[in-house]
Amino acid sequence: MAARRISSRRAVLLGAVVALMAAGVFIAQRAGSNSVMPSATASANQSKPDVEHRQLVRVWVHGDAIQPPILYARPGKILFNVENETQSDISLVIERAIPGSGNARVKSVGTQRKGKRVGEEMRLGPGEYELYEETQPQYRAKLIVEHSKDQ
């Protein structure tokens, strides 16, 4: 009887060791370890498409100001979030500043039914952009889109 207990304990211990080793191999494969199946990992890395990430630009519209007054972004896809602090509907106008000929409207982002926030995705190229609330154009902010210095 004592011999059976010892052998059953060894079997349980051996089963636990095998399960831990199998879990270790599985985790190493999922983590992309080069020591486990290097050819599969290399082919998976080559087939991934280039993903263009979008930036988040957030603006707060108050009754007497747009904050922050100057924003910076890189060219490309931008997720533009407008936070409404006015307790009424707003329409934030985005215009591109064109030297020598004024501004050209790019987009208008607005809330409905006194909404608190609205988001809009857009693609912007390098340049300077003016932001203002349509009913109060005297309150402005500037968005500067430029390539980062490390590129």
C-alpha atoms as a PDB file:
ATOM      1  CA  MET A   1       0.000   0.000   0.000  1.00  0.00           C
ATOM      2  CA  ALA A   2       2.836   2.393   0.866  1.00  0.00           C
ATOM      3  CA  ALA A   3       4.516   1.593  -2.461  1.00  0.00           C
ATOM      4  CA  ARG A   4       1.392   2.622  -4.349  1.00  0.00           C
ATOM      5  CA  ARG A   5       1.250   5.958  -2.518  1.00  0.00           C
ATOM      6  CA  ILE A   6       4.877   6.706  -3.397  1.00  0.00           C
ATOM      7  CA  SER A   7       4.445   5.779  -7.054  1.00  0.00           C
ATOM      8  CA  SER A   8       1.181   7.762  -7.343  1.00  0.00           C
ATOM      9  CA  ARG A   9       2.919  10.801  -5.821  1.00  0.00           C
ATOM     10  CA  ARG A  10       5.725  10.430  -8.346  1.00  0.00           C
ATOM     11  CA  ALA A  11       3.184  10.172 -11.164  1.00  0.00           C
ATOM     12  CA  VAL A  12       1.422  13.357  -9.997  1.00  0.00           C
ATOM     13  CA  LEU A  13       4.764  15.164  -9.672  1.00  0.00           C
ATOM     14  CA  LEU A  14       5.860  13.972 -13.113  1.00  0.00           C
ATOM     15  CA  GLY A  15       2.537  15.100 -14.608  1.00  0.00           C
ATOM     16  CA  ALA A  16       2.918  18.541 -13.039  1.00  0.00           C
ATOM     17  CA  VAL A  17       6.459  18.896 -14.411  1.00  0.00           C
ATOM     18  CA  VAL A  18       5.320  17.899 -17.921  1.00  0.00           C
ATOM     19  CA  ALA A  19       2.416  20.377 -17.753  1.00  0.00           C
ATOM     20  CA  LEU A  20       4.739  23.199 -16.661  1.00  0.00           C
ATOM     21  CA  MET A  21       7.179  22.406 -19.476  1.00  0.00           C
ATOM     22  CA  ALA A  22       4.360  22.380 -22.039  1.00  0.00           C
ATOM     23  CA  ALA A  23       3.086  25.720 -20.706  1.00  0.00           C
ATOM     24  CA  GLY A  24       6.604  27.168 -20.969  1.00  0.00           C
ATOM     25  CA  VAL A  25       6.931  26.077 -24.605  1.00  0.00           C
ATOM     26  CA  PHE A  26       3.488  27.509 -25.410  1.00  0.00           C
ATOM     27  CA  ILE A  27       4.292  30.855 -23.770  1.00  0.00           C
ATOM     28  CA  ALA A  28       7.649  31.040 -25.574  1.00  0.00           C
ATOM     29  CA  GLN A  29       5.917  30.455 -28.925  1.00  0.00           C
ATOM     30  CA  ARG A  30       3.272  33.098 -28.213  1.00  0.00           C
ATOM     31  CA  ALA A  31       5.911  35.632 -27.149  1.00  0.00           C
ATOM     32  CA  GLY A  32       7.761  35.186 -30.437  1.00  0.00           C
ATOM     33  CA  SER A  33      10.932  33.760 -28.933  1.00  0.00           C
ATOM     34  CA  ASN A  34      13.570  33.145 -31.628  1.00  0.00           C
ATOM     35  CA  SER A  35      14.757  30.007 -29.853  1.00  0.00           C
ATOM     36  CA  VAL A  36      11.477  28.220 -30.602  1.00  0.00           C
ATOM     37  CA  MET A  37      10.628  27.766 -34.293  1.00  0.00           C
ATOM     38  CA  PRO A  38      12.665  30.673 -35.739  1.00  0.00           C
ATOM     39  CA  SER A  39      11.444  30.184 -39.305  1.00  0.00           C
ATOM     40  CA  ALA A  40       7.774  30.543 -38.333  1.00  0.00           C
ATOM     41  CA  THR A  41       8.511  33.693 -36.352  1.00  0.00           C
ATOM     42  CA  ALA A  42      10.505  35.255 -39.197  1.00  0.00           C
ATOM     43  CA  SER A  43       7.803  34.587 -41.783  1.00  0.00           C
ATOM     44  CA  ALA A  44       5.106  36.003 -39.480  1.00  0.00           C
ATOM     45  CA  ASN A  45       7.088  39.247 -39.034  1.00  0.00           C
ATOM     46  CA  GLN A  46       7.523  39.678 -42.793  1.00  0.00           C
ATOM     47  CA  SER A  47       3.819  39.340 -43.586  1.00  0.00           C
ATOM     48  CA  LYS A  48       2.591  42.106 -41.233  1.00  0.00           C
ATOM     49  CA  PRO A  49       1.299  45.140 -43.179  1.00  0.00           C
ATOM     50  CA  ASP A  50       2.429  48.661 -42.328  1.00  0.00           C
ATOM     51  CA  VAL A  51      -0.089  50.192 -39.940  1.00  0.00           C
ATOM     52  CA  GLU A  52      -0.592  53.943 -39.935  1.00  0.00           C
ATOM     53  CA  HIS A  53      -1.319  55.131 -36.427  1.00  0.00           C
ATOM     54  CA  ARG A  54      -3.529  58.111 -35.827  1.00  0.00           C
ATOM     55  CA  GLN A  55      -2.676  60.815 -33.350  1.00  0.00           C
ATOM     56  CA  LEU A  56      -5.015  62.246 -30.789  1.00  0.00           C
ATOM     57  CA  VAL A  57      -5.460  66.016 -30.747  1.00  0.00           C
ATOM     58  CA  ARG A  58      -7.795  67.284 -28.023  1.00  0.00           C
ATOM     59  CA  VAL A  59      -9.235  70.804 -27.812  1.00  0.00           C
ATOM     60  CA  TRP A  60     -11.466  72.348 -25.154  1.00  0.00           C
ATOM     61  CA  VAL A  61     -13.915  75.041 -26.257  1.00  0.00           C
ATOM     62  CA  HIS A  62     -14.893  77.417 -23.432  1.00  0.00           C
ATOM     63  CA  GLY A  63     -17.221  80.401 -23.691  1.00  0.00           C
ATOM     64  CA  ASP A  64     -14.298  82.827 -23.890  1.00  0.00           C
ATOM     65  CA  ALA A  65     -11.335  80.727 -25.147  1.00  0.00           C
ATOM     66  CA  ILE A  66     -10.105  77.648 -26.955  1.00  0.00           C
ATOM     67  CA  GLN A  67      -7.553  75.642 -24.999  1.00  0.00           C
ATOM     68  CA  PRO A  68      -4.722  74.968 -25.526  1.00  0.00           C
ATOM     69  CA  PRO A  69      -3.937  78.027 -27.653  1.00  0.00           C
ATOM     70  CA  ILE A  70      -1.183  76.214 -29.612  1.00  0.00           C
ATOM     71  CA  LEU A  71      -1.203  72.537 -30.568  1.00  0.00           C
ATOM     72  CA  TYR A  72       1.369  70.427 -32.404  1.00  0.00           C
ATOM     73  CA  ALA A  73       0.909  67.303 -34.502  1.00  0.00           C
ATOM     74  CA  ARG A  74       2.649  65.268 -37.177  1.00  0.00           C
ATOM     75  CA  PRO A  75       1.255  64.992 -40.716  1.00  0.00           C
ATOM     76  CA  GLY A  76      -1.097  62.086 -41.326  1.00  0.00           C
ATOM     77  CA  LYS A  77      -4.220  60.725 -39.676  1.00  0.00           C
ATOM     78  CA  ILE A  78      -5.419  62.722 -36.716  1.00  0.00           C
ATOM     79  CA  LEU A  79      -8.280  61.924 -34.376  1.00  0.00           C
ATOM     80  CA  PHE A  80      -9.565  65.361 -33.454  1.00  0.00           C
ATOM     81  CA  ASN A  81     -11.523  65.413 -30.164  1.00  0.00           C
ATOM     82  CA  VAL A  82     -13.433  68.556 -29.246  1.00  0.00           C
ATOM     83  CA  GLU A  83     -14.587  68.956 -25.648  1.00  0.00           C
ATOM     84  CA  ASN A  84     -17.556  71.335 -25.289  1.00  0.00           C
ATOM     85  CA  GLU A  85     -17.475  73.418 -22.098  1.00  0.00           C
ATOM     86  CA  THR A  86     -19.993  76.056 -23.250  1.00  0.00           C
ATOM     87  CA  GLN A  87     -23.300  74.413 -22.289  1.00  0.00           C
ATOM     88  CA  SER A  88     -24.560  75.043 -25.862  1.00  0.00           C
ATOM     89  CA  ASP A  89     -23.927  73.641 -29.322  1.00  0.00           C
ATOM     90  CA  ILE A  90     -20.614  74.530 -30.915  1.00  0.00           C
ATOM     91  CA  SER A  91     -19.098  74.372 -34.371  1.00  0.00           C
ATOM     92  CA  LEU A  92     -15.298  74.410 -34.347  1.00  0.00           C
ATOM     93  CA  VAL A  93     -13.914  75.515 -37.711  1.00  0.00           C
ATOM     94  CA  ILE A  94     -10.515  74.274 -38.884  1.00  0.00           C
ATOM     95  CA  GLU A  95      -8.872  76.410 -41.560  1.00  0.00           C
ATOM     96  CA  ARG A  96      -5.500  75.996 -43.208  1.00  0.00           C
ATOM     97  CA  ALA A  97      -3.433  79.196 -43.195  1.00  0.00           C
ATOM     98  CA  ILE A  98      -2.209  79.874 -46.738  1.00  0.00           C
ATOM     99  CA  PRO A  99       0.480  82.581 -46.802  1.00  0.00           C
ATOM    100  CA  GLY A 100      -0.446  85.498 -49.045  1.00  0.00           C
ATOM    101  CA  SER A 101      -4.020  84.385 -49.750  1.00  0.00           C
ATOM    102  CA  GLY A 102      -5.786  83.961 -46.395  1.00  0.00           C
ATOM    103  CA  ASN A 103      -7.290  80.772 -45.012  1.00  0.00           C
ATOM    104  CA  ALA A 104      -9.038  77.799 -46.589  1.00  0.00           C
ATOM    105  CA  ARG A 105     -11.662  75.880 -44.605  1.00  0.00           C
ATOM    106  CA  VAL A 106     -10.669  72.265 -44.077  1.00  0.00           C
ATOM    107  CA  LYS A 107     -13.401  70.991 -41.780  1.00  0.00           C
ATOM    108  CA  SER A 108     -16.047  71.978 -39.278  1.00  0.00           C
ATOM    109  CA  VAL A 109     -16.536  69.813 -36.195  1.00  0.00           C
ATOM    110  CA  GLY A 110     -19.616  70.427 -34.094  1.00  0.00           C
ATOM    111  CA  THR A 111     -21.796  69.101 -31.322  1.00  0.00           C
ATOM    112  CA  GLN A 112     -25.531  68.534 -31.438  1.00  0.00           C
ATOM    113  CA  ARG A 113     -28.093  68.833 -28.664  1.00  0.00           C
ATOM    114  CA  LYS A 114     -25.525  70.440 -26.337  1.00  0.00           C
ATOM    115  CA  GLY A 115     -23.256  67.424 -26.565  1.00  0.00           C
ATOM    116  CA  LYS A 116     -20.224  67.307 -24.307  1.00  0.00           C
ATOM    117  CA  ARG A 117     -17.733  66.032 -26.902  1.00  0.00           C
ATOM    118  CA  VAL A 118     -17.335  65.074 -30.522  1.00  0.00           C
ATOM    119  CA  GLY A 119     -14.574  63.282 -32.382  1.00  0.00           C
ATOM    120  CA  GLU A 120     -13.611  63.508 -36.033  1.00  0.00           C
ATOM    121  CA  GLU A 121     -10.873  61.692 -37.916  1.00  0.00           C
ATOM    122  CA  MET A 122      -9.057  63.617 -40.628  1.00  0.00           C
ATOM    123  CA  ARG A 123      -5.822  63.644 -42.550  1.00  0.00           C
ATOM    124  CA  LEU A 124      -3.756  66.818 -42.357  1.00  0.00           C
ATOM    125  CA  GLY A 125      -0.607  67.752 -44.219  1.00  0.00           C
ATOM    126  CA  PRO A 126       2.222  69.953 -42.946  1.00  0.00           C
ATOM    127  CA  GLY A 127       1.297  73.573 -42.290  1.00  0.00           C
ATOM    128  CA  GLU A 128      -0.440  75.897 -39.882  1.00  0.00           C
ATOM    129  CA  TYR A 129      -4.139  75.674 -39.132  1.00  0.00           C
ATOM    130  CA  GLU A 130      -6.431  78.145 -37.377  1.00  0.00           C
ATOM    131  CA  LEU A 131      -9.171  76.857 -35.057  1.00  0.00           C
ATOM    132  CA  TYR A 132     -12.137  78.950 -33.940  1.00  0.00           C
ATOM    133  CA  GLU A 133     -15.706  78.575 -32.792  1.00  0.00           C
ATOM    134  CA  GLU A 134     -17.992  79.710 -35.613  1.00  0.00           C
ATOM    135  CA  THR A 135     -20.161  81.995 -33.476  1.00  0.00           C
ATOM    136  CA  GLN A 136     -17.148  83.563 -31.724  1.00  0.00           C
ATOM    137  CA  PRO A 137     -14.323  83.852 -34.267  1.00  0.00           C
ATOM    138  CA  GLN A 138     -12.363  86.231 -32.064  1.00  0.00           C
ATOM    139  CA  TYR A 139     -11.299  83.267 -29.861  1.00  0.00           C
ATOM    140  CA  ARG A 140      -8.716  81.276 -31.787  1.00  0.00           C
ATOM    141  CA  ALA A 141      -6.148  78.547 -31.404  1.00  0.00           C
ATOM    142  CA  LYS A 142      -3.373  77.406 -33.717  1.00  0.00           C
ATOM    143  CA  LEU A 143      -2.534  73.856 -34.822  1.00  0.00           C
ATOM    144  CA  ILE A 144       0.971  73.421 -36.211  1.00  0.00           C
ATOM    145  CA  VAL A 145       1.434  70.241 -38.249  1.00  0.00           C
ATOM    146  CA  GLU A 146       5.067  69.450 -38.931  1.00  0.00           C
ATOM    147  CA  HIS A 147       7.404  66.492 -39.207  1.00  0.00           C
ATOM    148  CA  SER A 148       9.156  65.679 -35.962  1.00  0.00           C
ATOM    149  CA  LYS A 149      12.774  66.728 -35.623  1.00  0.00           C
ATOM    150  CA  ASP A 150      14.073  63.134 -35.337  1.00  0.00           C
ATOM    151  CA  GLN A 151      12.849  62.022 -38.781  1.00  0.00           C
END
